[in-house]
Each structure stands twice: as C-alpha cells, then as structure tokens.
Amino acid sequence: MPIERIEVYLDGGTEPVQVLTQPPFKVTYDTRSLSDGEHLLRVVTHYTNGAKDVKEVPFKVANTPGVLLQGLEEGKEVSGILDVTLRVADPDIKPTRERFPGLAAAIATAAILGGVWLFFAATGVTNKTLEEVAKPPATKEAGAHGGPVAAVDEALKAKGEQVYSASCAGCHQANGKGLPGVFPALDGSKNVADKAYTINILLKGKGGMPGFAQLSDEELAAVTTYIKNSWSNKFGGVTPDEFKAAR
C-alpha cells in the first residue's frame, strides 16, 4: 500500500514533531530539550487507502553529566567528619549505566520502518524472504536446490530495476546490502534464491507480511527477476506465467 505520510509524535503529544512525506524517512531531534528518564516515540503511518499503522518505541534519555562520589560507598556506615569528593562531568568517569544512543537514532530507525512498506508495495518481499545471511550460497550459478537456473528476460529485469530504484533502494540500498539491523540484505540471500518460496510469499504473505496478489503478474515477476539477478546474485529468471500459475 502506498504511503501518504508518516507522523512522528513524542510522549503522547497531540501535534507531531515532524511529518514525513518522501523517503528516506529520517528525523533528527535534539534530546537535550527532553528531561532525563523514560520517553515514548510514536510513529503513525498513513496509507492512501485510509488505513494506518502505529509503532511505539519506548526509550530513555540520559544527558545529565555523570557524578562520582569518592570517599562514600553505598550503604557505608560513617561517623565523625565525612570527607567526600564529588567529580561531576569528569571525562575519566565511566558511565554507570548504559546510555540511550540518542533520540535521533531512535526516530530514524522507527520512522524508516514505514519506508519498508514502499518496498512491500512494489515487491511484497518480507524480511524473512530477504534475510541477511552470513555466507552466500556456495554456488551462485545454481538454483536454490542445486539445479540449473532459468533464463533471464533482460527486458523484464530492466523494468524491475526501475521499480527497485524508485521504491526499494532507499531502504535496501542501491547495492543490495540493506541496512544492518534494520533492513536485510538482498545480495546473497538464500531465500531470494528459492523461487517457489519467494513467489509464495509475494502472493500469500506470511506472518506479519500481507500478500500482494493485487499487483500484476508482470510487476511481481519484473522486480523479482531484478533482485534475483543483480549484484552477486545469479539465481535465474521468473516469468509472469509462474506467478499466474501460483495464484
């Protein structure tokens, strides 16, 4: 489903801190304007058909300088004169707790999740379909089960490249490497190599991913052919008839 806009809210606010309408979906926010402690980031994605999706991400802010007390330990029994040295914002003080890396990173990560739906609208491929693997298939020239790969329709692949560049590269990058920890790599994915699996996921969905049978067989075949045969991938072609037969 195409995205109309993405609204980013903080701590139950009724007015968004930013409204995003074009990828890449990224917000930079100065956490120094927030008090230290618990906060909530809410991302509301609005689709052109009127549907919406809400993602909430709790996080902590810790901007106050670290404080170290020398001469007094927690629970220590004392008497007489108490001599304590306070070291505040000393660069040698190691953080006593893990600090949140910054709201900018949280907003960029959460808001960009909405961008994956742009990828879904064109390809319908989930993270499970395109999961990043440590090692690529041993034989790139072979199919998922070791058999010969199907011929590649170069015209169909070229059409798929247009779809990928317009809707997918912002998340999965032009080089197919994805964004580690956010979007999986397409390059070298063993699930992308499995034609039957990929076709089934695109048409019927799985888990949290809906099916995209509303897309034309040619659109699905085009972008799938491009992904399966770009970068280091050499997984063979896919035809519109294969999607038609699988419906």
Protein backbone atom coordinates (compact mmCIF):
# COMPACT_ATOMS: atom_id res chain seq x y z
CA MET A 1 0.00 0.00 0.00
CA PRO A 2 1.45 3.40 -0.98
CA ILE A 3 2.23 5.75 1.92
CA GLU A 4 0.52 9.14 2.15
CA ARG A 5 2.52 10.45 5.14
CA ILE A 6 4.28 9.42 8.35
CA GLU A 7 3.67 11.39 11.56
CA VAL A 8 6.17 11.26 14.43
CA TYR A 9 4.98 12.04 17.98
CA LEU A 10 6.71 12.26 21.38
CA ASP A 11 5.33 11.39 24.82
CA GLY A 12 1.63 11.41 23.99
CA GLY A 13 1.75 14.76 22.23
CA THR A 14 -1.20 15.62 20.01
CA GLU A 15 0.91 17.51 17.47
CA PRO A 16 3.59 15.60 15.52
CA VAL A 17 7.20 16.72 15.88
CA GLN A 18 7.59 16.00 12.20
CA VAL A 19 5.51 14.88 9.22
CA LEU A 20 7.35 12.84 6.58
CA THR A 21 6.04 12.50 3.03
CA GLN A 22 9.05 11.39 0.99
CA PRO A 23 11.73 8.73 1.56
CA PRO A 24 14.24 8.41 3.06
CA PHE A 25 12.18 8.78 6.25
CA LYS A 26 14.55 10.35 8.76
CA VAL A 27 14.10 12.77 11.66
CA THR A 28 16.84 14.49 13.67
CA TYR A 29 15.86 15.64 17.16
CA ASP A 30 17.93 17.25 19.94
CA THR A 31 17.34 15.16 23.09
CA ARG A 32 18.74 17.96 25.23
CA SER A 33 15.29 19.53 25.09
CA LEU A 34 13.90 16.48 26.92
CA SER A 35 14.19 15.63 30.59
CA ASP A 36 16.26 12.62 31.56
CA GLY A 37 14.24 9.46 32.03
CA GLU A 38 11.58 7.45 30.22
CA HIS A 39 10.04 8.71 26.98
CA LEU A 40 7.90 7.30 24.18
CA LEU A 41 8.29 7.69 20.42
CA ARG A 42 5.14 7.02 18.38
CA VAL A 43 5.20 6.67 14.59
CA VAL A 44 1.88 6.72 12.73
CA THR A 45 1.98 5.67 9.08
CA HIS A 46 -0.98 6.77 6.97
CA TYR A 47 -1.73 4.95 3.70
CA THR A 48 -3.52 6.31 0.68
CA ASN A 49 -6.43 3.89 1.16
CA GLY A 50 -7.20 5.38 4.59
CA ALA A 51 -5.56 2.65 6.66
CA LYS A 52 -2.88 3.45 9.22
CA ASP A 53 -0.21 1.64 11.24
CA VAL A 54 1.06 2.70 14.68
CA LYS A 55 4.53 1.85 16.03
CA GLU A 56 5.53 2.81 19.59
CA VAL A 57 9.15 2.74 20.81
CA PRO A 58 9.93 3.43 24.50
CA PHE A 59 13.39 4.85 25.20
CA LYS A 60 15.46 6.60 27.88
CA VAL A 61 17.25 9.93 27.77
CA ALA A 62 20.40 10.42 29.88
CA ASN A 63 22.04 13.76 29.12
CA THR A 64 22.91 14.78 32.70
CA PRO A 65 26.70 14.60 33.35
CA GLY A 66 27.89 11.60 35.35
CA VAL A 67 28.61 12.07 39.06
CA LEU A 68 31.15 10.07 41.07
CA LEU A 69 31.41 10.20 44.86
CA GLN A 70 34.88 9.39 46.23
CA GLY A 71 35.03 8.64 49.94
CA LEU A 72 31.48 7.35 50.37
CA GLU A 73 30.18 3.98 49.28
CA GLU A 74 26.54 2.99 49.12
CA GLY A 75 25.38 1.60 52.48
CA LYS A 76 28.62 2.55 54.22
CA GLU A 77 28.40 3.30 57.97
CA VAL A 78 30.09 6.60 58.83
CA SER A 79 30.76 8.74 61.91
CA GLY A 80 32.55 11.95 62.70
CA ILE A 81 33.67 14.17 59.85
CA LEU A 82 32.62 12.98 56.39
CA ASP A 83 35.04 13.93 53.64
CA VAL A 84 33.61 13.23 50.16
CA THR A 85 34.97 14.38 46.80
CA LEU A 86 32.43 14.97 44.03
CA ARG A 87 33.59 14.52 40.46
CA VAL A 88 30.98 15.86 38.05
CA ALA A 89 31.23 15.58 34.27
CA ASP A 90 34.78 14.27 34.63
CA PRO A 91 35.84 12.69 31.29
CA ASP A 92 37.53 9.90 33.26
CA ILE A 93 34.23 8.85 34.84
CA LYS A 94 32.84 5.81 33.13
CA PRO A 95 29.06 5.75 32.63
CA THR A 96 27.32 3.93 35.48
CA ARG A 97 24.52 2.79 33.21
CA GLU A 98 24.01 2.20 29.55
CA ARG A 99 23.03 5.41 27.86
CA PHE A 100 20.49 5.61 25.08
CA PRO A 101 22.40 6.40 21.88
CA GLY A 102 20.21 9.40 21.09
CA LEU A 103 16.68 10.15 20.02
CA ALA A 104 17.87 10.96 16.52
CA ALA A 105 18.84 7.31 16.04
CA ALA A 106 15.56 6.11 17.53
CA ILE A 107 13.43 8.32 15.31
CA ALA A 108 15.46 7.49 12.21
CA THR A 109 15.14 3.76 12.94
CA ALA A 110 11.46 3.77 13.82
CA ALA A 111 10.34 6.18 11.12
CA ILE A 112 12.24 4.37 8.41
CA LEU A 113 10.23 1.25 9.20
CA GLY A 114 7.39 2.93 7.39
CA GLY A 115 9.60 3.05 4.32
CA VAL A 116 9.65 -0.70 4.12
CA TRP A 117 6.01 -0.55 3.07
CA LEU A 118 7.15 1.26 -0.06
CA PHE A 119 9.24 -1.80 -0.75
CA PHE A 120 6.28 -4.07 0.04
CA ALA A 121 4.05 -2.13 -2.34
CA ALA A 122 6.39 -2.89 -5.22
CA THR A 123 7.70 -6.31 -4.30
CA GLY A 124 5.85 -7.80 -1.35
CA VAL A 125 9.07 -9.34 -0.04
CA THR A 126 9.43 -9.57 3.76
CA ASN A 127 12.48 -9.59 5.93
CA LYS A 128 12.15 -13.36 6.19
CA THR A 129 12.18 -13.62 2.42
CA LEU A 130 15.23 -11.43 2.12
CA GLU A 131 17.03 -12.22 5.39
CA GLU A 132 20.71 -11.41 5.52
CA VAL A 133 22.89 -14.49 5.77
CA ALA A 134 26.46 -14.80 6.92
CA LYS A 135 27.56 -16.64 3.82
CA PRO A 136 26.07 -16.57 0.31
CA PRO A 137 25.07 -19.81 -1.39
CA ALA A 138 28.08 -21.96 -2.23
CA THR A 139 27.19 -21.99 -5.93
CA LYS A 140 25.67 -18.80 -7.18
CA GLU A 141 25.19 -20.23 -10.66
CA ALA A 142 22.88 -22.94 -9.36
CA GLY A 143 19.26 -22.66 -8.23
CA ALA A 144 18.09 -22.99 -4.64
CA HIS A 145 18.24 -26.78 -4.85
CA GLY A 146 21.37 -27.05 -6.94
CA GLY A 147 19.65 -27.29 -10.33
CA PRO A 148 20.22 -25.07 -13.36
CA VAL A 149 18.87 -21.52 -13.21
CA ALA A 150 16.12 -20.30 -15.54
CA ALA A 151 16.92 -17.92 -18.37
CA VAL A 152 16.70 -14.23 -17.55
CA ASP A 153 14.43 -11.94 -19.55
CA GLU A 154 16.60 -8.82 -19.77
CA ALA A 155 13.69 -6.54 -20.71
CA LEU A 156 11.74 -7.76 -17.68
CA LYS A 157 14.80 -7.30 -15.50
CA ALA A 158 15.21 -3.71 -16.76
CA LYS A 159 11.62 -2.95 -15.79
CA GLY A 160 12.29 -4.44 -12.38
CA GLU A 161 15.30 -2.16 -11.94
CA GLN A 162 13.05 0.87 -12.40
CA VAL A 163 10.69 -0.41 -9.71
CA TYR A 164 13.60 -1.16 -7.38
CA SER A 165 15.28 2.21 -7.86
CA ALA A 166 12.05 4.11 -7.26
CA SER A 167 10.70 2.18 -4.28
CA CYS A 168 13.31 -0.13 -2.78
CA ALA A 169 16.81 1.35 -2.95
CA GLY A 170 16.07 3.87 -0.21
CA CYS A 171 15.79 1.03 2.31
CA HIS A 172 17.81 -1.85 0.88
CA GLN A 173 20.36 0.42 -0.82
CA ALA A 174 21.31 0.53 -4.47
CA ASN A 175 23.98 -2.12 -3.83
CA GLY A 176 21.50 -4.55 -2.26
CA LYS A 177 23.39 -4.60 1.05
CA GLY A 178 20.48 -3.31 3.13
CA LEU A 179 20.86 -1.51 6.46
CA PRO A 180 22.30 -3.86 9.11
CA GLY A 181 19.88 -4.30 11.97
CA VAL A 182 17.08 -2.51 10.11
CA PHE A 183 16.61 -3.89 6.62
CA PRO A 184 18.11 -7.21 5.47
CA ALA A 185 20.44 -7.55 2.51
CA LEU A 186 19.09 -8.83 -0.78
CA ASP A 187 22.55 -9.58 -2.10
CA GLY A 188 23.44 -13.20 -1.35
CA SER A 189 20.15 -14.10 0.35
CA LYS A 190 19.42 -17.82 0.13
CA ASN A 191 15.68 -17.14 0.40
CA VAL A 192 15.82 -14.88 -2.65
CA ALA A 193 17.45 -17.82 -4.43
CA ASP A 194 14.42 -20.04 -3.69
CA LYS A 195 11.97 -19.20 -6.48
CA ALA A 196 8.98 -21.17 -5.17
CA TYR A 197 9.36 -19.72 -1.69
CA THR A 198 9.63 -16.16 -2.99
CA ILE A 199 6.62 -16.48 -5.28
CA ASN A 200 4.51 -17.93 -2.47
CA ILE A 201 5.47 -15.15 -0.04
CA LEU A 202 4.71 -12.46 -2.59
CA LEU A 203 1.26 -13.82 -3.35
CA LYS A 204 0.08 -15.11 0.01
CA GLY A 205 2.18 -13.34 2.63
CA LYS A 206 3.47 -14.88 5.84
CA GLY A 207 3.45 -13.88 9.49
CA GLY A 208 3.16 -10.10 9.70
CA MET A 209 3.52 -9.64 5.95
CA PRO A 210 0.35 -9.41 3.85
CA GLY A 211 0.13 -10.95 0.41
CA PHE A 212 0.37 -8.71 -2.64
CA ALA A 213 -1.71 -10.63 -5.15
CA GLN A 214 -3.26 -7.29 -6.18
CA LEU A 215 -0.08 -6.44 -8.10
CA SER A 216 0.09 -7.61 -11.70
CA ASP A 217 1.97 -10.79 -12.53
CA GLU A 218 4.34 -8.76 -14.71
CA GLU A 219 5.16 -6.29 -11.92
CA LEU A 220 5.89 -9.09 -9.48
CA ALA A 221 7.98 -11.03 -11.98
CA ALA A 222 9.93 -7.94 -13.05
CA VAL A 223 11.19 -6.79 -9.66
CA THR A 224 11.77 -10.39 -8.55
CA THR A 225 13.87 -11.08 -11.65
CA TYR A 226 15.90 -7.94 -10.97
CA ILE A 227 16.59 -8.81 -7.34
CA LYS A 228 17.43 -12.43 -8.13
CA ASN A 229 19.97 -11.43 -10.79
CA SER A 230 21.66 -8.25 -9.56
CA TRP A 231 24.85 -7.61 -7.58
CA SER A 232 26.38 -11.04 -6.85
CA ASN A 233 23.02 -12.82 -7.28
CA LYS A 234 22.68 -15.18 -10.23
CA PHE A 235 19.51 -17.03 -9.30
CA GLY A 236 17.73 -17.11 -12.65
CA GLY A 237 14.65 -15.51 -14.13
CA VAL A 238 10.99 -15.52 -13.11
CA THR A 239 8.12 -15.17 -15.58
CA PRO A 240 4.65 -13.64 -15.19
CA ASP A 241 3.20 -17.06 -16.07
CA GLU A 242 4.83 -18.54 -12.95
CA PHE A 243 3.01 -16.04 -10.78
CA LYS A 244 -0.21 -16.62 -12.69
CA ALA A 245 0.06 -20.39 -12.16
CA ALA A 246 0.71 -19.92 -8.43
CA ARG A 247 -2.39 -17.79 -7.80
